[in-house]
Every structure is written in C-alpha cells, then in structure tokens.
Amino acid sequence: MAEYAYDQDKVSTLLSTIIRNKGNEKANNWLQQRLQIQQQTGAIPPFNQTFTAIPRFTGKEIITLSPLENEQLQQLLPSFFVQGWSLDRLARVWWLLQLPVTDKAVYLDTLEKLFNAAEMNELAALYSALPLLPWPEEWITRTSEGIRSNIGIVQEAIMLHNPYPAKYLPEPAWNQLVMKAIFTDKPLHLITGLDERANIALVNILVDFAHERWAAGRTVDPMQWRILVNFVNEDNLGDVNRIWHSLNSIEKEAAALVCAQSNYAPARELLAQSPALQAEIQAGSLTWNTLAQKILK
C-alpha cells in the first residue's frame, strides 16, 4: 500500500473544506454523493466519470484563498499553491485523493488512462496534483513528456508553483523545463526550486542561448541571469558585464543582483561600481521578485 509523503487525511479534509466554502449547494451535494458512492464501491468507472463531470457542477470560477486557508495549506504542504486555480481544478485534484491506493498496479493504470484520455483542463488538474500523488517516482517520465506540451495551461500546471519537478526530475529534464519556460515566456520567478536546481549544464545552455539571441539582434529575459548566481566565472563574466552596461535598466539591475549574490570576486567588484544599486539590494528594495514585477508591467 502507498505511503503518502504528507498527512493525506488532513490535506483531503482541508481541500474539501475550501471547495465547500467556494462552491454552491448543488455542487457540494453532488460531490458528497459521488464520494459516498466511491467509498462504498471503490469502482474505477464511476471514479473516472466523476473526474470528467466535475466542472459541470462546480463551474470554473477562479478561487481566492483566505490568509488562514493559505496558512493551513502551507503548514500541511509547504510550497504547494492553489491560489488562482479554478474551482473545478481544485475539486479534481481533491477527487484524485479519493482513489484507493491499496493496489499499486490498479492505481497507476487508472491514472495513466486518465492522463491518456484527458483534455487540456483535465491534464492541467492531473499535473497540478503531481506533488500529492503516491509513488512519485512513477510520474517522472509522464512529467518529462508534459514539459514538451504546447498547451499553455498544461505548461503552467507543470512549471509554475509546482514543487514536484524540482524534487524529482533528473537534471536533463529539469533543464528542459527551464528552457521551455524561457521559450514560452513563462514567469521564471514562479518556478519552484529554480535557484536550488541551477546547474552548470543549464548555465552553459543559457549563455549559448543568449549569444544566439544577441547575434540575431534580439533580447534575453533578464530573469534568466538569476541562474548564473552560483556559477559566475571567467568564462561568463563577460556576459554579466554586457548586461551590466546595458541601457535597459532592468537588465542592469539583473546584473547587479547576480553580482551581489555571487561569491566570484570580480563580480562583486563590478557591483561596487554602483553604490546606488548596491544600497537598493542591501535595503531589500531590489530583489528578483521586484525585478519580476517590473518585467510583468
């Protein structure tokens, strides 16, 4: 039998409470009836039917958690965010927690078939649920495949506010996720584990990518330089120096943040050339998050 890496009962109860608070009486009664049927029979066909039918009853309104609800969720599942989800996605993720885990083969087969038959909103819910699923190593290949999706809502479900990829993907798949996020203009600061999973192979890919963009007269997302923080060296200092001297203030600020967080002495010396930027960073008024907000404006 599977062992969840968290208190499954408490998480299921909390998600159910949030769904009830955000939903209407008709939807709540229907979900309760479906849950009773599932608990009594454990049958797979009605489980799948419920998963598909959920939006017809819950609707697709975007939910906003109260501070208390968010705090409770973070206590149970650090780094797991549902803020900004639609109600049907949250209900589908909760529903996946009701699938029996007594038989691993049946469980995996059921989920694989759901993935294979899913339309885009169902896929988004399935990928959003990755941090909650038992046997997490079983979903590595499926996640790697999902990264190659061209469906925006699916890409975001995997890439943004999802702790699963950083925790379980091997380095090549992780690097592919980051590059796909860059290619598709996703907000890099919302990728969980971006700093922790930075690696020299990814740095080299990013530097080569920047050189190609520059050679074509195009720009580079200033946020991508964040990945260089622990890897600034004589080979890429010239690239940091280039954005440091950029006429674009956001690029220069990105270079300043890289230099401030780097242990490479020449990079720290570069930052010393601008006491004003150095002071902003020390005061906390210039961070990667504030830079991201400027980019998003």
Protein backbone atom coordinates (compact mmCIF):
# COMPACT_ATOMS: atom_id res chain seq x y z
CA MET A 1 0.00 0.00 0.00
CA ALA A 2 1.21 3.51 -0.80
CA GLU A 3 2.51 5.83 1.86
CA TYR A 4 1.77 9.47 1.24
CA ALA A 5 4.62 11.87 1.98
CA TYR A 6 2.16 14.05 3.90
CA ASP A 7 -0.96 13.68 6.05
CA GLN A 8 -3.38 12.68 3.30
CA ASP A 9 -6.46 12.76 5.52
CA LYS A 10 -5.78 16.29 6.73
CA VAL A 11 -4.99 17.57 3.23
CA SER A 12 -8.09 15.93 1.77
CA THR A 13 -10.24 17.41 4.54
CA LEU A 14 -8.77 20.90 4.10
CA LEU A 15 -9.22 20.84 0.32
CA SER A 16 -12.78 19.58 0.76
CA THR A 17 -13.50 22.44 3.16
CA ILE A 18 -12.08 25.02 0.75
CA ILE A 19 -14.14 23.54 -2.10
CA ARG A 20 -17.32 23.68 0.01
CA ASN A 21 -16.62 27.28 1.01
CA LYS A 22 -16.07 28.36 -2.59
CA GLY A 23 -18.78 26.20 -4.17
CA ASN A 24 -22.56 26.18 -4.23
CA GLU A 25 -25.02 23.86 -2.51
CA LYS A 26 -25.80 21.87 -5.66
CA ALA A 27 -22.13 21.19 -6.38
CA ASN A 28 -21.36 20.35 -2.76
CA ASN A 29 -24.26 17.88 -2.54
CA TRP A 30 -23.24 16.22 -5.80
CA LEU A 31 -19.61 15.85 -4.72
CA GLN A 32 -20.72 14.37 -1.40
CA GLN A 33 -22.97 11.86 -3.17
CA ARG A 34 -20.14 10.85 -5.53
CA LEU A 35 -17.78 10.48 -2.59
CA GLN A 36 -20.20 8.17 -0.80
CA ILE A 37 -20.52 6.00 -3.92
CA GLN A 38 -16.73 5.89 -4.27
CA GLN A 39 -16.19 4.96 -0.65
CA GLN A 40 -18.83 2.23 -0.83
CA THR A 41 -17.74 0.63 -4.11
CA GLY A 42 -14.17 1.71 -4.89
CA ALA A 43 -15.12 1.20 -8.53
CA ILE A 44 -12.98 2.78 -11.22
CA PRO A 45 -15.58 3.64 -13.94
CA PRO A 46 -17.66 5.94 -11.69
CA PHE A 47 -14.43 7.45 -10.35
CA ASN A 48 -13.40 8.39 -13.89
CA GLN A 49 -16.88 9.66 -14.73
CA THR A 50 -16.85 11.95 -11.71
CA PHE A 51 -13.40 13.30 -12.59
CA THR A 52 -14.68 14.24 -16.06
CA ALA A 53 -18.03 15.65 -14.91
CA ILE A 54 -16.79 17.90 -12.08
CA PRO A 55 -16.80 21.24 -13.99
CA ARG A 56 -20.47 20.80 -14.93
CA PHE A 57 -21.34 21.02 -11.24
CA THR A 58 -18.63 23.23 -9.70
CA GLY A 59 -18.19 25.72 -12.51
CA LYS A 60 -14.81 27.24 -13.37
CA GLU A 61 -14.68 30.30 -11.16
CA ILE A 62 -11.18 31.35 -10.10
CA ILE A 63 -10.75 30.83 -6.37
CA THR A 64 -9.05 33.07 -3.83
CA LEU A 65 -7.90 31.56 -0.57
CA SER A 66 -8.22 33.42 2.69
CA PRO A 67 -4.96 34.05 4.59
CA LEU A 68 -5.99 31.37 7.09
CA GLU A 69 -6.72 28.79 4.39
CA ASN A 70 -3.40 29.52 2.70
CA GLU A 71 -1.54 29.25 6.01
CA GLN A 72 -3.20 25.92 6.80
CA LEU A 73 -2.33 24.56 3.37
CA GLN A 74 1.30 25.69 3.65
CA GLN A 75 1.61 24.01 7.04
CA LEU A 76 0.45 20.71 5.56
CA LEU A 77 2.08 21.06 2.14
CA PRO A 78 4.92 23.60 2.00
CA SER A 79 5.38 25.12 -1.49
CA PHE A 80 2.00 23.78 -2.70
CA PHE A 81 -0.12 26.64 -4.01
CA VAL A 82 -3.68 26.57 -5.31
CA GLN A 83 -4.15 30.36 -5.39
CA GLY A 84 -5.52 31.38 -8.79
CA TRP A 85 -6.79 27.90 -9.68
CA SER A 86 -10.29 27.41 -10.98
CA LEU A 87 -12.70 25.65 -8.63
CA ASP A 88 -13.05 22.65 -10.95
CA ARG A 89 -9.27 22.13 -10.97
CA LEU A 90 -9.12 22.15 -7.18
CA ALA A 91 -12.09 19.75 -7.00
CA ARG A 92 -10.43 17.41 -9.49
CA VAL A 93 -7.18 17.42 -7.51
CA TRP A 94 -9.12 16.67 -4.33
CA TRP A 95 -11.02 13.92 -6.13
CA LEU A 96 -7.76 12.23 -7.12
CA LEU A 97 -7.03 11.83 -3.40
CA GLN A 98 -10.15 9.67 -3.10
CA LEU A 99 -8.78 6.99 -5.43
CA PRO A 100 -7.92 3.81 -3.49
CA VAL A 101 -4.19 3.11 -3.19
CA THR A 102 -4.42 -0.44 -1.91
CA ASP A 103 -3.33 -1.89 -5.28
CA LYS A 104 -0.39 -0.07 -6.89
CA ALA A 105 -0.90 -1.62 -10.33
CA VAL A 106 -4.59 -0.64 -10.44
CA TYR A 107 -3.82 2.83 -9.16
CA LEU A 108 -1.09 3.52 -11.71
CA ASP A 109 -3.17 2.07 -14.53
CA THR A 110 -6.13 4.27 -13.60
CA LEU A 111 -4.02 7.44 -13.52
CA GLU A 112 -2.22 6.60 -16.77
CA LYS A 113 -5.54 6.11 -18.52
CA LEU A 114 -6.80 9.43 -17.14
CA PHE A 115 -3.67 11.14 -18.48
CA ASN A 116 -4.03 9.47 -21.88
CA ALA A 117 -7.71 10.40 -22.28
CA ALA A 118 -7.55 13.87 -20.74
CA GLU A 119 -8.47 17.12 -22.44
CA MET A 120 -6.41 20.19 -21.58
CA ASN A 121 -8.19 21.22 -18.34
CA GLU A 122 -8.12 17.64 -17.09
CA LEU A 123 -4.40 17.46 -17.91
CA ALA A 124 -3.79 20.69 -16.00
CA ALA A 125 -5.51 19.18 -12.95
CA LEU A 126 -3.54 15.94 -13.22
CA TYR A 127 -0.19 17.72 -13.48
CA SER A 128 -1.16 20.12 -10.69
CA ALA A 129 -1.79 17.08 -8.50
CA LEU A 130 1.71 15.63 -9.00
CA PRO A 131 3.00 16.79 -5.57
CA LEU A 132 0.13 14.90 -3.94
CA LEU A 133 0.30 11.59 -5.77
CA PRO A 134 1.78 8.50 -4.13
CA TRP A 135 4.70 6.67 -5.78
CA PRO A 136 6.15 10.00 -7.01
CA GLU A 137 8.98 8.38 -8.97
CA GLU A 138 6.38 6.78 -11.24
CA TRP A 139 5.42 10.19 -12.67
CA ILE A 140 8.88 11.32 -13.80
CA THR A 141 8.51 10.10 -17.39
CA ARG A 142 4.96 11.46 -17.63
CA THR A 143 6.15 14.86 -16.37
CA SER A 144 9.07 14.91 -18.81
CA GLU A 145 6.60 14.28 -21.63
CA GLY A 146 4.30 17.01 -20.35
CA ILE A 147 7.09 19.60 -20.50
CA ARG A 148 7.03 19.20 -24.29
CA SER A 149 3.32 20.11 -24.41
CA ASN A 150 2.37 23.15 -26.46
CA ILE A 151 -0.77 23.81 -24.39
CA GLY A 152 -0.23 26.88 -22.21
CA ILE A 153 -2.42 25.82 -19.28
CA VAL A 154 -0.67 22.43 -19.15
CA GLN A 155 2.79 24.01 -19.32
CA GLU A 156 1.91 26.33 -16.44
CA ALA A 157 0.49 23.49 -14.33
CA ILE A 158 3.83 21.70 -14.56
CA MET A 159 6.19 24.66 -14.43
CA LEU A 160 4.69 27.24 -12.08
CA HIS A 161 4.17 26.90 -8.32
CA ASN A 162 4.64 23.14 -8.66
CA PRO A 163 7.21 21.62 -6.28
CA TYR A 164 7.21 18.21 -7.98
CA PRO A 165 9.60 18.88 -10.92
CA ALA A 166 12.37 20.37 -8.77
CA LYS A 167 12.14 17.47 -6.33
CA TYR A 168 12.04 14.56 -8.75
CA LEU A 169 13.13 15.42 -12.30
CA PRO A 170 16.63 14.40 -13.37
CA GLU A 171 18.90 17.23 -14.46
CA PRO A 172 18.32 16.98 -18.26
CA ALA A 173 14.53 17.06 -17.83
CA TRP A 174 14.77 19.90 -15.32
CA ASN A 175 16.94 21.91 -17.71
CA GLN A 176 14.45 21.26 -20.49
CA LEU A 177 11.65 22.58 -18.26
CA VAL A 178 13.52 25.83 -17.59
CA MET A 179 14.39 26.34 -21.25
CA LYS A 180 10.81 25.62 -22.31
CA ALA A 181 9.65 28.20 -19.76
CA ILE A 182 12.03 30.73 -21.29
CA PHE A 183 10.97 29.91 -24.85
CA THR A 184 7.29 30.31 -23.92
CA ASP A 185 7.73 33.49 -21.83
CA LYS A 186 6.68 31.98 -18.51
CA PRO A 187 7.49 33.98 -15.34
CA LEU A 188 10.67 32.27 -14.16
CA HIS A 189 10.34 33.52 -10.57
CA LEU A 190 7.26 31.30 -10.17
CA ILE A 191 9.22 28.11 -10.90
CA THR A 192 9.60 26.34 -7.56
CA GLY A 193 13.20 25.33 -6.91
CA LEU A 194 14.70 27.49 -9.67
CA ASP A 195 17.67 28.56 -7.52
CA GLU A 196 18.21 25.20 -5.84
CA ARG A 197 18.24 23.24 -9.10
CA ALA A 198 20.54 25.64 -11.00
CA ASN A 199 23.46 23.71 -12.52
CA ILE A 200 26.45 24.39 -14.73
CA ALA A 201 24.97 22.50 -17.70
CA LEU A 202 21.92 24.79 -17.61
CA VAL A 203 24.15 27.86 -17.23
CA ASN A 204 26.06 26.87 -20.36
CA ILE A 205 22.83 26.32 -22.30
CA LEU A 206 21.53 29.72 -21.20
CA VAL A 207 24.76 31.53 -22.11
CA ASP A 208 24.77 29.92 -25.57
CA PHE A 209 21.11 30.86 -25.97
CA ALA A 210 21.86 34.47 -25.01
CA HIS A 211 24.71 34.62 -27.55
CA GLU A 212 22.37 33.36 -30.28
CA ARG A 213 19.73 35.94 -29.37
CA TRP A 214 22.22 38.77 -29.27
CA ALA A 215 23.73 37.72 -32.60
CA ALA A 216 20.23 37.93 -34.09
CA GLY A 217 19.70 41.40 -32.62
CA ARG A 218 17.18 40.12 -30.06
CA THR A 219 16.89 40.49 -26.30
CA VAL A 220 17.06 37.98 -23.45
CA ASP A 221 14.73 37.66 -20.46
CA PRO A 222 16.68 39.42 -17.68
CA MET A 223 15.37 36.87 -15.17
CA GLN A 224 17.32 34.05 -16.79
CA TRP A 225 20.58 35.50 -15.41
CA ARG A 226 19.40 34.55 -11.94
CA ILE A 227 20.52 31.01 -12.71
CA LEU A 228 24.14 32.19 -13.01
CA VAL A 229 24.36 33.39 -9.39
CA ASN A 230 26.42 30.45 -8.11
CA PHE A 231 28.22 29.87 -11.39
CA VAL A 232 29.76 33.20 -12.37
CA ASN A 233 33.31 32.60 -13.61
CA GLU A 234 35.85 33.97 -16.04
CA ASP A 235 34.03 32.29 -18.94
CA ASN A 236 30.69 34.07 -18.41
CA LEU A 237 31.74 37.23 -16.57
CA GLY A 238 31.83 38.98 -19.95
CA ASP A 239 28.11 38.24 -20.37
CA VAL A 240 27.34 39.65 -16.93
CA ASN A 241 29.47 42.67 -17.79
CA ARG A 242 27.47 43.13 -21.00
CA ILE A 243 24.13 43.35 -19.23
CA TRP A 244 25.71 45.48 -16.50
CA HIS A 245 26.45 48.08 -19.18
CA SER A 246 23.04 47.70 -20.83
CA LEU A 247 20.98 50.82 -21.48
CA ASN A 248 17.99 48.80 -20.27
CA SER A 249 17.73 49.49 -16.54
CA ILE A 250 16.09 46.11 -15.83
CA GLU A 251 18.99 44.26 -17.44
CA LYS A 252 21.48 46.30 -15.42
CA GLU A 253 19.55 45.55 -12.23
CA ALA A 254 19.61 41.84 -13.08
CA ALA A 255 23.38 42.02 -13.46
CA ALA A 256 23.58 43.81 -10.11
CA LEU A 257 21.61 41.05 -8.39
CA VAL A 258 23.82 38.36 -9.95
CA CYS A 259 26.94 40.16 -8.77
CA ALA A 260 25.53 40.76 -5.28
CA GLN A 261 24.67 37.10 -4.79
CA SER A 262 27.83 35.72 -6.39
CA ASN A 263 30.95 34.74 -4.46
CA TYR A 264 33.14 35.47 -7.50
CA ALA A 265 35.34 38.42 -6.55
CA PRO A 266 35.40 40.13 -9.99
CA ALA A 267 31.60 40.12 -9.99
CA ARG A 268 31.48 41.75 -6.56
CA GLU A 269 33.95 44.35 -7.79
CA LEU A 270 31.63 45.09 -10.73
CA LEU A 271 28.75 45.76 -8.35
CA ALA A 272 30.93 48.12 -6.30
CA GLN A 273 30.92 50.46 -9.29
CA SER A 274 27.33 51.38 -8.45
CA PRO A 275 26.86 52.24 -4.77
CA ALA A 276 23.24 53.19 -5.53
CA LEU A 277 22.30 49.71 -6.80
CA GLN A 278 24.33 48.12 -4.04
CA ALA A 279 22.34 50.12 -1.48
CA GLU A 280 19.00 49.13 -3.04
CA ILE A 281 19.93 45.46 -2.84
CA GLN A 282 21.10 45.77 0.76
CA ALA A 283 17.89 47.59 1.68
CA GLY A 284 15.78 44.86 0.07
CA SER A 285 14.12 47.23 -2.38
CA LEU A 286 15.79 45.49 -5.34
CA THR A 287 15.22 41.73 -5.41
CA TRP A 288 14.45 39.16 -8.08
CA ASN A 289 10.77 39.45 -7.14
CA THR A 290 10.68 43.24 -7.50
CA LEU A 291 12.52 42.87 -10.80
CA ALA A 292 9.94 40.33 -11.96
CA GLN A 293 7.13 42.77 -11.17
CA LYS A 294 8.79 45.43 -13.31
CA ILE A 295 9.08 42.97 -16.20
CA LEU A 296 5.42 41.96 -15.88
CA LYS A 297 4.16 45.56 -16.01
